[in-house]
Amino acid sequence: MRPAVQDQIINIIAKEAILEPEQVRPEMTLEELGLDSLGLVEMIFAIEEAFDISVPFNANEPSQSEFDISSVGAIVRAVERMIMGKSGAEPALA
């Protein structure tokens, strides 16, 4: 994972969950963070805006989407894949 991408996503999630970024860990689920459906939508909009990507509308259905929102780390990996796909760049090693 690229630290800058992870830090930015953690900051977005922390803001929506009304937590400090230090309280958000990659292994945590959105449920553990207390994000409700409105918070999830706001988080997705903020991620789309921050990274200039478009998250699939069915991201909350794991069997229907490649964008995994099962944990903070999964969201980071999904965003990194979308960024790489958009730019054609190779992933940076963290």
C-alpha atoms as a PDB file:
ATOM      1  CA  MET A   1       0.000   0.000   0.000  1.00  0.00           C
ATOM      2  CA  ARG A   2       1.167   3.497  -0.777  1.00  0.00           C
ATOM      3  CA  PRO A   3       1.327   5.417   2.502  1.00  0.00           C
ATOM      4  CA  ALA A   4      -0.051   8.638   0.991  1.00  0.00           C
ATOM      5  CA  VAL A   5      -3.139   6.865  -0.396  1.00  0.00           C
ATOM      6  CA  GLN A   6      -3.696   4.981   2.852  1.00  0.00           C
ATOM      7  CA  ASP A   7      -3.292   8.134   4.971  1.00  0.00           C
ATOM      8  CA  GLN A   8      -5.717  10.083   2.809  1.00  0.00           C
ATOM      9  CA  ILE A   9      -8.346   7.331   2.929  1.00  0.00           C
ATOM     10  CA  ILE A  10      -7.927   6.929   6.684  1.00  0.00           C
ATOM     11  CA  ASN A  11      -8.427  10.682   7.105  1.00  0.00           C
ATOM     12  CA  ILE A  12     -11.612  10.549   5.003  1.00  0.00           C
ATOM     13  CA  ILE A  13     -12.977   7.563   6.914  1.00  0.00           C
ATOM     14  CA  ALA A  14     -12.054   9.087  10.284  1.00  0.00           C
ATOM     15  CA  LYS A  15     -13.863  12.305   9.382  1.00  0.00           C
ATOM     16  CA  GLU A  16     -17.038  10.434   8.410  1.00  0.00           C
ATOM     17  CA  ALA A  17     -16.855   8.201  11.497  1.00  0.00           C
ATOM     18  CA  ILE A  18     -16.157  11.223  13.733  1.00  0.00           C
ATOM     19  CA  LEU A  19     -12.908   9.701  14.970  1.00  0.00           C
ATOM     20  CA  GLU A  20      -9.274  10.696  15.084  1.00  0.00           C
ATOM     21  CA  PRO A  21      -7.199   9.192  12.241  1.00  0.00           C
ATOM     22  CA  GLU A  22      -5.057   7.372  14.837  1.00  0.00           C
ATOM     23  CA  GLN A  23      -8.172   5.399  15.865  1.00  0.00           C
ATOM     24  CA  VAL A  24      -8.655   3.984  12.346  1.00  0.00           C
ATOM     25  CA  ARG A  25      -6.648   0.846  11.540  1.00  0.00           C
ATOM     26  CA  PRO A  26      -6.478  -1.054   8.228  1.00  0.00           C
ATOM     27  CA  GLU A  27      -8.026  -4.226   9.659  1.00  0.00           C
ATOM     28  CA  MET A  28     -11.129  -2.427  10.973  1.00  0.00           C
ATOM     29  CA  THR A  29     -14.513  -2.819   9.312  1.00  0.00           C
ATOM     30  CA  LEU A  30     -16.853   0.081   8.624  1.00  0.00           C
ATOM     31  CA  GLU A  31     -19.259  -1.414  11.176  1.00  0.00           C
ATOM     32  CA  GLU A  32     -16.541  -1.380  13.834  1.00  0.00           C
ATOM     33  CA  LEU A  33     -15.989   2.287  13.018  1.00  0.00           C
ATOM     34  CA  GLY A  34     -19.676   3.018  13.474  1.00  0.00           C
ATOM     35  CA  LEU A  35     -20.327   4.174   9.900  1.00  0.00           C
ATOM     36  CA  ASP A  36     -23.990   4.054   8.952  1.00  0.00           C
ATOM     37  CA  SER A  37     -25.348   4.048   5.394  1.00  0.00           C
ATOM     38  CA  LEU A  38     -25.245   7.848   5.114  1.00  0.00           C
ATOM     39  CA  GLY A  39     -21.658   7.868   6.381  1.00  0.00           C
ATOM     40  CA  LEU A  40     -20.780   5.191   3.823  1.00  0.00           C
ATOM     41  CA  VAL A  41     -22.226   7.263   0.986  1.00  0.00           C
ATOM     42  CA  GLU A  42     -20.419  10.398   2.181  1.00  0.00           C
ATOM     43  CA  MET A  43     -17.172   8.425   2.492  1.00  0.00           C
ATOM     44  CA  ILE A  44     -17.500   7.079  -1.057  1.00  0.00           C
ATOM     45  CA  PHE A  45     -18.220  10.555  -2.455  1.00  0.00           C
ATOM     46  CA  ALA A  46     -15.183  11.955  -0.629  1.00  0.00           C
ATOM     47  CA  ILE A  47     -12.931   9.144  -1.927  1.00  0.00           C
ATOM     48  CA  GLU A  48     -14.202   9.639  -5.481  1.00  0.00           C
ATOM     49  CA  GLU A  49     -13.498  13.354  -5.278  1.00  0.00           C
ATOM     50  CA  ALA A  50     -10.089  12.988  -3.628  1.00  0.00           C
ATOM     51  CA  PHE A  51      -8.781  10.440  -6.136  1.00  0.00           C
ATOM     52  CA  ASP A  52     -10.817  11.387  -9.228  1.00  0.00           C
ATOM     53  CA  ILE A  53     -12.254   7.877  -9.520  1.00  0.00           C
ATOM     54  CA  SER A  54     -15.743   6.425  -9.780  1.00  0.00           C
ATOM     55  CA  VAL A  55     -16.625   3.766  -7.222  1.00  0.00           C
ATOM     56  CA  PRO A  56     -19.080   1.174  -8.594  1.00  0.00           C
ATOM     57  CA  PHE A  57     -22.655   1.741  -7.413  1.00  0.00           C
ATOM     58  CA  ASN A  58     -22.785  -1.827  -6.067  1.00  0.00           C
ATOM     59  CA  ALA A  59     -19.621  -1.590  -3.942  1.00  0.00           C
ATOM     60  CA  ASN A  60     -21.613  -2.596  -0.864  1.00  0.00           C
ATOM     61  CA  GLU A  61     -22.401  -5.975  -2.500  1.00  0.00           C
ATOM     62  CA  PRO A  62     -19.093  -7.911  -2.457  1.00  0.00           C
ATOM     63  CA  SER A  63     -20.304 -10.595  -4.850  1.00  0.00           C
ATOM     64  CA  GLN A  64     -21.310  -7.957  -7.417  1.00  0.00           C
ATOM     65  CA  SER A  65     -18.339  -5.581  -7.296  1.00  0.00           C
ATOM     66  CA  GLU A  66     -14.557  -5.653  -7.456  1.00  0.00           C
ATOM     67  CA  PHE A  67     -14.473  -2.669  -5.087  1.00  0.00           C
ATOM     68  CA  ASP A  68     -14.181  -4.303  -1.666  1.00  0.00           C
ATOM     69  CA  ILE A  69     -15.415  -2.250   1.298  1.00  0.00           C
ATOM     70  CA  SER A  70     -15.093  -5.039   3.879  1.00  0.00           C
ATOM     71  CA  SER A  71     -12.327  -3.198   5.783  1.00  0.00           C
ATOM     72  CA  VAL A  72     -10.268  -0.022   5.707  1.00  0.00           C
ATOM     73  CA  GLY A  73      -7.340  -1.921   4.168  1.00  0.00           C
ATOM     74  CA  ALA A  74      -9.594  -3.436   1.497  1.00  0.00           C
ATOM     75  CA  ILE A  75     -10.832   0.040   0.567  1.00  0.00           C
ATOM     76  CA  VAL A  76      -7.233   1.279   0.280  1.00  0.00           C
ATOM     77  CA  ARG A  77      -6.318  -1.652  -1.988  1.00  0.00           C
ATOM     78  CA  ALA A  78      -9.424  -1.127  -4.143  1.00  0.00           C
ATOM     79  CA  VAL A  79      -8.651   2.580  -4.572  1.00  0.00           C
ATOM     80  CA  GLU A  80      -5.027   1.794  -5.437  1.00  0.00           C
ATOM     81  CA  ARG A  81      -6.199  -0.680  -8.104  1.00  0.00           C
ATOM     82  CA  MET A  82      -8.512   1.947  -9.570  1.00  0.00           C
ATOM     83  CA  ILE A  83      -5.740   4.565  -9.589  1.00  0.00           C
ATOM     84  CA  MET A  84      -3.329   2.145 -11.266  1.00  0.00           C
ATOM     85  CA  GLY A  85      -5.944   1.127 -13.820  1.00  0.00           C
ATOM     86  CA  LYS A  86      -6.592   4.745 -14.635  1.00  0.00           C
ATOM     87  CA  SER A  87      -2.937   5.694 -15.030  1.00  0.00           C
ATOM     88  CA  GLY A  88      -1.541   2.372 -16.223  1.00  0.00           C
ATOM     89  CA  ALA A  89       1.231   2.816 -13.660  1.00  0.00           C
ATOM     90  CA  GLU A  90       2.874   0.044 -11.728  1.00  0.00           C
ATOM     91  CA  PRO A  91       2.143  -0.036  -7.992  1.00  0.00           C
ATOM     92  CA  ALA A  92       4.677   1.600  -5.718  1.00  0.00           C
ATOM     93  CA  LEU A  93       6.050  -0.638  -2.995  1.00  0.00           C
ATOM     94  CA  ALA A  94       5.425   0.571   0.516  1.00  0.00           C
END
